[in-house]
Amino acid sequence: MPTTFQNKAGCRPPGCYTYAYLRASDSANGPAGSPWYVGKGTGNRAWARHGSPKKYWAPPSNEFIVILKWGMTNEEANRHEIYMIAVLGNRFKDGGFLTNNYNEGGGSGNGYVRTEEERARLSAALRGRVFSDDHKKRLSASRSGFQMSEDQKRKIAASLRGKSKSVSPQGKLAIAISNQSREWTAEARKKVADARRGSRHSDQTRAKMSEIRKGVSQPAHQTQAIIAARYRKSAEKMGVSVKFWSELTDKQRGMLRTRYRRGKRGAALLEGLL
């Protein structure tokens, strides 16, 4: 095996490897050519952007990327990363060369515990954070088509096994209320209606629903929406317009329902009301 890796276009180290980023010029943290970051990965990791969308960081060119060791297993690469970080030192902890390593290595923060001050600062920074519509769209697009591997599914299933998955009555009510104000497309309404057609709540479920709604006042807009939905459904059934149905008295609506149950349709149904 060669002792150095030839950093050519499209040429990537086999297996897991460790790498370092070198300084392009002298700085207060170290001379040109000294390492400022050590990492480990596979494939294109050493040449990929690091950080977050707010602040990406990487060497100015590939000549400042050095592959330290390759052809390792993941565990071996973790150990070598820890070793190299310990040898080169952290600028902020022990005055070493590295400025972008915030933990001891060995995989995404393993072993690193944030201080109470760091926790408080992160909490304050994230409190009340609201994503813009553009940000939400980009997040949605990034997850589009994503599928978990079978191994991921097994791990999640194992972590949830034995835990209660039930939602509290208050939580269910909150979900129901939020869904009532949601704008549904015609296609979404049809899918939900088809899925629920023929289903019926059990007596136990009805009792629970009644219990959690005791003492809960329904907002006026919800009441109006429910009445409008009932009017629309009845008008479609009778073959009349919603406006016509809403202008009838309760007695006239009762009369139409009785005629409908007796099999009258069309003009015979509306006789004496037009």
C-alpha atoms as a PDB file:
ATOM      1  CA  MET A   1       0.000   0.000   0.000  1.00  0.00           C
ATOM      2  CA  PRO A   2       1.400   3.459  -0.892  1.00  0.00           C
ATOM      3  CA  THR A   3       2.248   5.722   2.023  1.00  0.00           C
ATOM      4  CA  THR A   4       0.536   8.760   0.489  1.00  0.00           C
ATOM      5  CA  PHE A   5      -2.796   9.121  -1.266  1.00  0.00           C
ATOM      6  CA  GLN A   6      -2.742  10.687  -4.728  1.00  0.00           C
ATOM      7  CA  ASN A   7      -5.424  13.391  -4.649  1.00  0.00           C
ATOM      8  CA  LYS A   8      -6.556  13.202  -8.263  1.00  0.00           C
ATOM      9  CA  ALA A   9      -9.896  14.268  -9.748  1.00  0.00           C
ATOM     10  CA  GLY A  10     -12.478  11.577  -9.166  1.00  0.00           C
ATOM     11  CA  CYS A  11     -10.067   9.447  -7.129  1.00  0.00           C
ATOM     12  CA  ARG A  12     -11.367   8.661  -3.643  1.00  0.00           C
ATOM     13  CA  PRO A  13      -9.795   6.582  -0.833  1.00  0.00           C
ATOM     14  CA  PRO A  14     -11.074   3.033  -0.311  1.00  0.00           C
ATOM     15  CA  GLY A  15     -12.987   2.180   2.855  1.00  0.00           C
ATOM     16  CA  CYS A  16     -13.166   4.579   5.791  1.00  0.00           C
ATOM     17  CA  TYR A  17     -10.431   7.204   6.025  1.00  0.00           C
ATOM     18  CA  THR A  18      -9.231  10.159   8.078  1.00  0.00           C
ATOM     19  CA  TYR A  19      -8.303  13.516   6.581  1.00  0.00           C
ATOM     20  CA  ALA A  20      -7.006  16.954   7.524  1.00  0.00           C
ATOM     21  CA  TYR A  21      -7.520  20.476   6.196  1.00  0.00           C
ATOM     22  CA  LEU A  22      -4.371  22.600   5.998  1.00  0.00           C
ATOM     23  CA  ARG A  23      -3.958  26.362   6.364  1.00  0.00           C
ATOM     24  CA  ALA A  24      -3.365  28.207   3.114  1.00  0.00           C
ATOM     25  CA  SER A  25      -1.436  31.011   4.844  1.00  0.00           C
ATOM     26  CA  ASP A  26       0.090  31.970   8.168  1.00  0.00           C
ATOM     27  CA  SER A  27      -2.341  32.951  10.911  1.00  0.00           C
ATOM     28  CA  ALA A  28      -2.408  33.572  14.658  1.00  0.00           C
ATOM     29  CA  ASN A  29      -3.537  29.950  15.093  1.00  0.00           C
ATOM     30  CA  GLY A  30      -0.712  28.344  13.110  1.00  0.00           C
ATOM     31  CA  PRO A  31       1.679  28.641  10.158  1.00  0.00           C
ATOM     32  CA  ALA A  32       0.793  27.912   6.538  1.00  0.00           C
ATOM     33  CA  GLY A  33       0.532  24.177   5.922  1.00  0.00           C
ATOM     34  CA  SER A  34      -0.472  23.321   9.497  1.00  0.00           C
ATOM     35  CA  PRO A  35      -3.758  21.436  10.021  1.00  0.00           C
ATOM     36  CA  TRP A  36      -6.814  23.302  11.285  1.00  0.00           C
ATOM     37  CA  TYR A  37      -9.367  20.486  11.050  1.00  0.00           C
ATOM     38  CA  VAL A  38      -9.306  16.677  11.258  1.00  0.00           C
ATOM     39  CA  GLY A  39     -12.199  14.462  10.223  1.00  0.00           C
ATOM     40  CA  LYS A  40     -13.137  10.982   9.067  1.00  0.00           C
ATOM     41  CA  GLY A  41     -15.509   9.638   6.452  1.00  0.00           C
ATOM     42  CA  THR A  42     -15.996   7.628   3.273  1.00  0.00           C
ATOM     43  CA  GLY A  43     -16.354   8.443  -0.407  1.00  0.00           C
ATOM     44  CA  ASN A  44     -16.511  12.178  -1.064  1.00  0.00           C
ATOM     45  CA  ARG A  45     -16.664  13.317   2.586  1.00  0.00           C
ATOM     46  CA  ALA A  46     -13.274  15.093   2.653  1.00  0.00           C
ATOM     47  CA  TRP A  47     -14.194  17.142  -0.436  1.00  0.00           C
ATOM     48  CA  ALA A  48     -17.767  17.946   0.638  1.00  0.00           C
ATOM     49  CA  ARG A  49     -18.844  21.217   2.240  1.00  0.00           C
ATOM     50  CA  HIS A  50     -18.895  21.218   6.032  1.00  0.00           C
ATOM     51  CA  GLY A  51     -20.997  23.289   8.408  1.00  0.00           C
ATOM     52  CA  SER A  52     -24.535  24.585   7.843  1.00  0.00           C
ATOM     53  CA  PRO A  53     -26.308  26.706   5.187  1.00  0.00           C
ATOM     54  CA  LYS A  54     -25.615  29.788   7.313  1.00  0.00           C
ATOM     55  CA  LYS A  55     -21.881  29.096   7.419  1.00  0.00           C
ATOM     56  CA  TYR A  56     -20.184  26.577   5.160  1.00  0.00           C
ATOM     57  CA  TRP A  57     -16.465  26.046   5.528  1.00  0.00           C
ATOM     58  CA  ALA A  58     -13.852  24.142   3.544  1.00  0.00           C
ATOM     59  CA  PRO A  59     -10.292  24.606   2.232  1.00  0.00           C
ATOM     60  CA  PRO A  60      -9.883  27.039  -0.691  1.00  0.00           C
ATOM     61  CA  SER A  61      -8.773  24.172  -2.984  1.00  0.00           C
ATOM     62  CA  ASN A  62      -8.077  20.436  -2.997  1.00  0.00           C
ATOM     63  CA  GLU A  63      -4.319  20.939  -2.517  1.00  0.00           C
ATOM     64  CA  PHE A  64      -5.037  21.813   1.129  1.00  0.00           C
ATOM     65  CA  ILE A  65      -6.816  18.479   1.762  1.00  0.00           C
ATOM     66  CA  VAL A  66      -4.630  15.653   3.050  1.00  0.00           C
ATOM     67  CA  ILE A  67      -5.757  12.037   3.449  1.00  0.00           C
ATOM     68  CA  LEU A  68      -4.065  10.761   6.611  1.00  0.00           C
ATOM     69  CA  LYS A  69      -5.010   7.068   6.596  1.00  0.00           C
ATOM     70  CA  TRP A  70      -7.432   4.954   4.570  1.00  0.00           C
ATOM     71  CA  GLY A  71      -8.740   1.436   4.017  1.00  0.00           C
ATOM     72  CA  MET A  72     -10.045   1.224   7.608  1.00  0.00           C
ATOM     73  CA  THR A  73     -13.264   0.026   9.191  1.00  0.00           C
ATOM     74  CA  ASN A  74     -15.560   2.624  10.755  1.00  0.00           C
ATOM     75  CA  GLU A  75     -14.346   1.723  14.256  1.00  0.00           C
ATOM     76  CA  GLU A  76     -10.694   1.989  13.197  1.00  0.00           C
ATOM     77  CA  ALA A  77     -11.336   5.363  11.566  1.00  0.00           C
ATOM     78  CA  ASN A  78     -13.033   6.612  14.754  1.00  0.00           C
ATOM     79  CA  ARG A  79     -10.019   5.608  16.835  1.00  0.00           C
ATOM     80  CA  HIS A  80      -7.559   7.202  14.404  1.00  0.00           C
ATOM     81  CA  GLU A  81      -9.556  10.459  14.321  1.00  0.00           C
ATOM     82  CA  ILE A  82      -9.515  10.602  18.141  1.00  0.00           C
ATOM     83  CA  TYR A  83      -5.761   9.913  18.106  1.00  0.00           C
ATOM     84  CA  MET A  84      -4.974  12.651  15.537  1.00  0.00           C
ATOM     85  CA  ILE A  85      -7.095  15.260  17.348  1.00  0.00           C
ATOM     86  CA  ALA A  86      -5.314  14.413  20.602  1.00  0.00           C
ATOM     87  CA  VAL A  87      -1.885  14.686  18.928  1.00  0.00           C
ATOM     88  CA  LEU A  88      -2.549  17.968  17.103  1.00  0.00           C
ATOM     89  CA  GLY A  89      -4.522  19.566  19.951  1.00  0.00           C
ATOM     90  CA  ASN A  90      -7.483  21.926  20.103  1.00  0.00           C
ATOM     91  CA  ARG A  91      -6.658  25.619  19.878  1.00  0.00           C
ATOM     92  CA  PHE A  92      -9.310  26.608  22.423  1.00  0.00           C
ATOM     93  CA  LYS A  93      -8.728  23.789  24.918  1.00  0.00           C
ATOM     94  CA  ASP A  94      -4.993  23.143  24.985  1.00  0.00           C
ATOM     95  CA  GLY A  95      -3.448  25.654  22.569  1.00  0.00           C
ATOM     96  CA  GLY A  96      -3.106  23.151  19.705  1.00  0.00           C
ATOM     97  CA  PHE A  97      -3.490  23.631  15.941  1.00  0.00           C
ATOM     98  CA  LEU A  98      -7.116  22.619  15.380  1.00  0.00           C
ATOM     99  CA  THR A  99      -9.773  25.362  15.371  1.00  0.00           C
ATOM    100  CA  ASN A 100     -12.857  23.605  13.948  1.00  0.00           C
ATOM    101  CA  ASN A 101     -12.895  20.424  16.024  1.00  0.00           C
ATOM    102  CA  TYR A 102     -15.327  20.954  18.901  1.00  0.00           C
ATOM    103  CA  ASN A 103     -15.075  17.476  20.423  1.00  0.00           C
ATOM    104  CA  GLU A 104     -12.604  14.635  20.836  1.00  0.00           C
ATOM    105  CA  GLY A 105     -13.675  12.947  17.577  1.00  0.00           C
ATOM    106  CA  GLY A 106     -14.873   9.392  17.077  1.00  0.00           C
ATOM    107  CA  GLY A 107     -18.100  10.303  15.307  1.00  0.00           C
ATOM    108  CA  SER A 108     -20.536  13.251  15.354  1.00  0.00           C
ATOM    109  CA  GLY A 109     -20.035  14.579  18.851  1.00  0.00           C
ATOM    110  CA  ASN A 110     -19.518  11.240  20.591  1.00  0.00           C
ATOM    111  CA  GLY A 111     -18.471  11.822  24.175  1.00  0.00           C
ATOM    112  CA  TYR A 112     -18.989  15.589  24.011  1.00  0.00           C
ATOM    113  CA  VAL A 113     -21.248  17.083  26.673  1.00  0.00           C
ATOM    114  CA  ARG A 114     -22.310  20.713  26.341  1.00  0.00           C
ATOM    115  CA  THR A 115     -21.864  22.969  29.342  1.00  0.00           C
ATOM    116  CA  GLU A 116     -24.880  24.591  31.017  1.00  0.00           C
ATOM    117  CA  GLU A 117     -23.809  27.909  29.503  1.00  0.00           C
ATOM    118  CA  GLU A 118     -23.782  26.411  25.990  1.00  0.00           C
ATOM    119  CA  ARG A 119     -27.173  24.795  26.567  1.00  0.00           C
ATOM    120  CA  ALA A 120     -28.656  28.104  27.747  1.00  0.00           C
ATOM    121  CA  ARG A 121     -27.185  29.970  24.770  1.00  0.00           C
ATOM    122  CA  LEU A 122     -28.539  27.433  22.252  1.00  0.00           C
ATOM    123  CA  SER A 123     -31.936  27.435  23.938  1.00  0.00           C
ATOM    124  CA  ALA A 124     -32.162  31.242  23.826  1.00  0.00           C
ATOM    125  CA  ALA A 125     -31.099  31.313  20.164  1.00  0.00           C
ATOM    126  CA  LEU A 126     -33.718  28.748  19.092  1.00  0.00           C
ATOM    127  CA  ARG A 127     -36.597  29.979  21.263  1.00  0.00           C
ATOM    128  CA  GLY A 128     -39.425  31.425  19.178  1.00  0.00           C
ATOM    129  CA  ARG A 129     -37.709  30.523  15.912  1.00  0.00           C
ATOM    130  CA  VAL A 130     -40.080  30.589  12.916  1.00  0.00           C
ATOM    131  CA  PHE A 131     -39.142  29.164   9.525  1.00  0.00           C
ATOM    132  CA  SER A 132     -39.969  31.256   6.452  1.00  0.00           C
ATOM    133  CA  ASP A 133     -42.203  29.767   3.743  1.00  0.00           C
ATOM    134  CA  ASP A 134     -39.164  29.530   1.454  1.00  0.00           C
ATOM    135  CA  HIS A 135     -37.206  27.664   4.149  1.00  0.00           C
ATOM    136  CA  LYS A 136     -40.115  25.264   4.688  1.00  0.00           C
ATOM    137  CA  LYS A 137     -40.301  24.565   0.934  1.00  0.00           C
ATOM    138  CA  ARG A 138     -36.566  23.852   0.792  1.00  0.00           C
ATOM    139  CA  LEU A 139     -36.813  21.534   3.805  1.00  0.00           C
ATOM    140  CA  SER A 140     -39.742  19.727   2.183  1.00  0.00           C
ATOM    141  CA  ALA A 141     -37.881  19.430  -1.149  1.00  0.00           C
ATOM    142  CA  SER A 142     -34.806  18.015   0.587  1.00  0.00           C
ATOM    143  CA  ARG A 143     -36.925  15.246   2.145  1.00  0.00           C
ATOM    144  CA  SER A 144     -38.899  14.501  -1.017  1.00  0.00           C
ATOM    145  CA  GLY A 145     -38.482  10.899  -2.084  1.00  0.00           C
ATOM    146  CA  PHE A 146     -36.528  10.015   1.060  1.00  0.00           C
ATOM    147  CA  GLN A 147     -36.907   6.422   2.164  1.00  0.00           C
ATOM    148  CA  MET A 148     -35.543   4.865   5.331  1.00  0.00           C
ATOM    149  CA  SER A 149     -33.341   1.828   5.039  1.00  0.00           C
ATOM    150  CA  GLU A 150     -34.517  -1.412   6.610  1.00  0.00           C
ATOM    151  CA  ASP A 151     -31.786  -1.021   9.240  1.00  0.00           C
ATOM    152  CA  GLN A 152     -33.086   2.456  10.185  1.00  0.00           C
ATOM    153  CA  LYS A 153     -36.625   1.131  10.445  1.00  0.00           C
ATOM    154  CA  ARG A 154     -35.511  -1.685  12.741  1.00  0.00           C
ATOM    155  CA  LYS A 155     -33.607   0.730  14.996  1.00  0.00           C
ATOM    156  CA  ILE A 156     -36.598   3.093  15.291  1.00  0.00           C
ATOM    157  CA  ALA A 157     -38.958   0.181  15.967  1.00  0.00           C
ATOM    158  CA  ALA A 158     -36.628  -1.137  18.674  1.00  0.00           C
ATOM    159  CA  SER A 159     -36.372   2.293  20.326  1.00  0.00           C
ATOM    160  CA  LEU A 160     -40.192   2.669  20.395  1.00  0.00           C
ATOM    161  CA  ARG A 161     -40.964  -0.873  21.512  1.00  0.00           C
ATOM    162  CA  GLY A 162     -42.699  -0.898  24.884  1.00  0.00           C
ATOM    163  CA  LYS A 163     -43.394   2.850  24.868  1.00  0.00           C
ATOM    164  CA  SER A 164     -46.927   4.217  24.989  1.00  0.00           C
ATOM    165  CA  LYS A 165     -47.954   5.715  21.648  1.00  0.00           C
ATOM    166  CA  SER A 166     -51.335   7.027  22.783  1.00  0.00           C
ATOM    167  CA  VAL A 167     -52.104  10.747  22.619  1.00  0.00           C
ATOM    168  CA  SER A 168     -53.761  12.427  25.593  1.00  0.00           C
ATOM    169  CA  PRO A 169     -57.432  13.462  25.184  1.00  0.00           C
ATOM    170  CA  GLN A 170     -56.364  17.125  25.264  1.00  0.00           C
ATOM    171  CA  GLY A 171     -53.809  16.426  22.530  1.00  0.00           C
ATOM    172  CA  LYS A 172     -56.414  14.705  20.355  1.00  0.00           C
ATOM    173  CA  LEU A 173     -58.775  17.651  20.796  1.00  0.00           C
ATOM    174  CA  ALA A 174     -56.010  20.098  19.812  1.00  0.00           C
ATOM    175  CA  ILE A 175     -55.298  18.065  16.660  1.00  0.00           C
ATOM    176  CA  ALA A 176     -59.002  17.940  15.776  1.00  0.00           C
ATOM    177  CA  ILE A 177     -59.401  21.706  16.192  1.00  0.00           C
ATOM    178  CA  SER A 178     -56.297  22.462  14.114  1.00  0.00           C
ATOM    179  CA  ASN A 179     -57.571  20.168  11.331  1.00  0.00           C
ATOM    180  CA  GLN A 180     -60.962  21.890  11.240  1.00  0.00           C
ATOM    181  CA  SER A 181     -59.348  25.206  10.282  1.00  0.00           C
ATOM    182  CA  ARG A 182     -57.131  23.510   7.703  1.00  0.00           C
ATOM    183  CA  GLU A 183     -57.796  24.219   4.021  1.00  0.00           C
ATOM    184  CA  TRP A 184     -58.428  20.917   2.254  1.00  0.00           C
ATOM    185  CA  THR A 185     -58.211  20.402  -1.499  1.00  0.00           C
ATOM    186  CA  ALA A 186     -61.074  18.604  -3.245  1.00  0.00           C
ATOM    187  CA  GLU A 187     -58.788  15.611  -3.842  1.00  0.00           C
ATOM    188  CA  ALA A 188     -57.780  15.442  -0.163  1.00  0.00           C
ATOM    189  CA  ARG A 189     -61.415  15.655   0.950  1.00  0.00           C
ATOM    190  CA  LYS A 190     -62.349  12.782  -1.384  1.00  0.00           C
ATOM    191  CA  LYS A 191     -59.502  10.582  -0.104  1.00  0.00           C
ATOM    192  CA  VAL A 192     -60.486  11.163   3.533  1.00  0.00           C
ATOM    193  CA  ALA A 193     -64.173  10.594   2.775  1.00  0.00           C
ATOM    194  CA  ASP A 194     -63.442   7.343   0.905  1.00  0.00           C
ATOM    195  CA  ALA A 195     -61.228   6.102   3.739  1.00  0.00           C
ATOM    196  CA  ARG A 196     -63.840   6.822   6.410  1.00  0.00           C
ATOM    197  CA  ARG A 197     -66.906   5.712   4.480  1.00  0.00           C
ATOM    198  CA  GLY A 198     -68.751   3.027   6.412  1.00  0.00           C
ATOM    199  CA  SER A 199     -66.694   3.456   9.576  1.00  0.00           C
ATOM    200  CA  ARG A 200     -68.436   4.069  12.893  1.00  0.00           C
ATOM    201  CA  HIS A 201     -67.101   5.011  16.321  1.00  0.00           C
ATOM    202  CA  SER A 202     -67.556   2.452  19.060  1.00  0.00           C
ATOM    203  CA  ASP A 203     -69.690   3.315  22.097  1.00  0.00           C
ATOM    204  CA  GLN A 204     -66.496   3.535  24.173  1.00  0.00           C
ATOM    205  CA  THR A 205     -64.946   6.012  21.712  1.00  0.00           C
ATOM    206  CA  ARG A 206     -68.142   8.074  21.666  1.00  0.00           C
ATOM    207  CA  ALA A 207     -68.112   8.235  25.466  1.00  0.00           C
ATOM    208  CA  LYS A 208     -64.466   9.381  25.467  1.00  0.00           C
ATOM    209  CA  MET A 209     -65.163  12.048  22.839  1.00  0.00           C
ATOM    210  CA  SER A 210     -68.122  13.305  24.846  1.00  0.00           C
ATOM    211  CA  GLU A 211     -66.026  13.425  28.037  1.00  0.00           C
ATOM    212  CA  ILE A 212     -63.148  15.461  26.600  1.00  0.00           C
ATOM    213  CA  ARG A 213     -65.547  17.994  25.035  1.00  0.00           C
ATOM    214  CA  LYS A 214     -67.394  18.721  28.266  1.00  0.00           C
ATOM    215  CA  GLY A 215     -66.976  22.347  29.194  1.00  0.00           C
ATOM    216  CA  VAL A 216     -65.238  23.165  25.888  1.00  0.00           C
ATOM    217  CA  SER A 217     -66.911  26.031  24.043  1.00  0.00           C
ATOM    218  CA  GLN A 218     -66.852  25.755  20.279  1.00  0.00           C
ATOM    219  CA  PRO A 219     -65.674  28.887  18.389  1.00  0.00           C
ATOM    220  CA  ALA A 220     -68.333  30.663  16.329  1.00  0.00           C
ATOM    221  CA  HIS A 221     -66.487  30.072  13.044  1.00  0.00           C
ATOM    222  CA  GLN A 222     -66.453  26.328  13.718  1.00  0.00           C
ATOM    223  CA  THR A 223     -70.192  26.288  14.393  1.00  0.00           C
ATOM    224  CA  GLN A 224     -70.815  28.192  11.152  1.00  0.00           C
ATOM    225  CA  ALA A 225     -68.556  25.829   9.212  1.00  0.00           C
ATOM    226  CA  ILE A 226     -70.383  22.776  10.567  1.00  0.00           C
ATOM    227  CA  ILE A 227     -73.812  24.260   9.705  1.00  0.00           C
ATOM    228  CA  ALA A 228     -72.596  25.199   6.213  1.00  0.00           C
ATOM    229  CA  ALA A 229     -71.271  21.659   5.660  1.00  0.00           C
ATOM    230  CA  ARG A 230     -74.604  20.154   6.756  1.00  0.00           C
ATOM    231  CA  TYR A 231     -76.547  22.524   4.499  1.00  0.00           C
ATOM    232  CA  ARG A 232     -74.315  21.653   1.555  1.00  0.00           C
ATOM    233  CA  LYS A 233     -74.723  17.918   2.114  1.00  0.00           C
ATOM    234  CA  SER A 234     -78.525  18.148   2.480  1.00  0.00           C
ATOM    235  CA  ALA A 235     -78.877  20.425  -0.565  1.00  0.00           C
ATOM    236  CA  GLU A 236     -76.861  18.024  -2.736  1.00  0.00           C
ATOM    237  CA  LYS A 237     -78.977  15.125  -1.530  1.00  0.00           C
ATOM    238  CA  MET A 238     -82.270  16.913  -2.294  1.00  0.00           C
ATOM    239  CA  GLY A 239     -81.013  18.247  -5.633  1.00  0.00           C
ATOM    240  CA  VAL A 240     -81.405  21.922  -4.754  1.00  0.00           C
ATOM    241  CA  SER A 241     -79.021  24.826  -4.305  1.00  0.00           C
ATOM    242  CA  VAL A 242     -77.428  25.590  -0.941  1.00  0.00           C
ATOM    243  CA  LYS A 243     -78.962  29.080  -1.039  1.00  0.00           C
ATOM    244  CA  PHE A 244     -82.470  27.646  -1.567  1.00  0.00           C
ATOM    245  CA  TRP A 245     -82.000  25.130   1.263  1.00  0.00           C
ATOM    246  CA  SER A 246     -80.678  27.753   3.702  1.00  0.00           C
ATOM    247  CA  GLU A 247     -83.703  30.032   3.082  1.00  0.00           C
ATOM    248  CA  LEU A 248     -86.234  27.336   3.993  1.00  0.00           C
ATOM    249  CA  THR A 249     -87.767  27.182   7.444  1.00  0.00           C
ATOM    250  CA  ASP A 250     -87.107  24.195   9.713  1.00  0.00           C
ATOM    251  CA  LYS A 251     -90.661  23.007   9.037  1.00  0.00           C
ATOM    252  CA  GLN A 252     -90.147  23.140   5.245  1.00  0.00           C
ATOM    253  CA  ARG A 253     -86.844  21.240   5.525  1.00  0.00           C
ATOM    254  CA  GLY A 254     -88.564  18.586   7.630  1.00  0.00           C
ATOM    255  CA  MET A 255     -91.293  18.305   4.988  1.00  0.00           C
ATOM    256  CA  LEU A 256     -88.725  17.787   2.222  1.00  0.00           C
ATOM    257  CA  ARG A 257     -86.898  15.114   4.221  1.00  0.00           C
ATOM    258  CA  THR A 258     -90.161  13.253   4.783  1.00  0.00           C
ATOM    259  CA  ARG A 259     -91.025  13.374   1.075  1.00  0.00           C
ATOM    260  CA  TYR A 260     -87.495  12.227   0.180  1.00  0.00           C
ATOM    261  CA  ARG A 261     -87.767   9.205   2.492  1.00  0.00           C
ATOM    262  CA  ARG A 262     -91.081   8.330   0.789  1.00  0.00           C
ATOM    263  CA  GLY A 263     -89.314   8.206  -2.585  1.00  0.00           C
ATOM    264  CA  LYS A 264     -90.368  11.548  -4.072  1.00  0.00           C
ATOM    265  CA  ARG A 265     -87.828  13.280  -6.304  1.00  0.00           C
ATOM    266  CA  GLY A 266     -87.605  16.310  -8.579  1.00  0.00           C
ATOM    267  CA  ALA A 267     -90.807  18.343  -9.005  1.00  0.00           C
ATOM    268  CA  ALA A 268     -92.829  16.000  -6.744  1.00  0.00           C
ATOM    269  CA  LEU A 269     -90.323  16.642  -3.960  1.00  0.00           C
ATOM    270  CA  LEU A 270     -90.564  20.416  -4.289  1.00  0.00           C
ATOM    271  CA  GLU A 271     -94.318  20.645  -4.913  1.00  0.00           C
ATOM    272  CA  GLY A 272     -95.825  23.575  -3.038  1.00  0.00           C
ATOM    273  CA  LEU A 273     -92.456  25.086  -2.118  1.00  0.00           C
ATOM    274  CA  LEU A 274     -91.568  26.858  -5.401  1.00  0.00           C
END
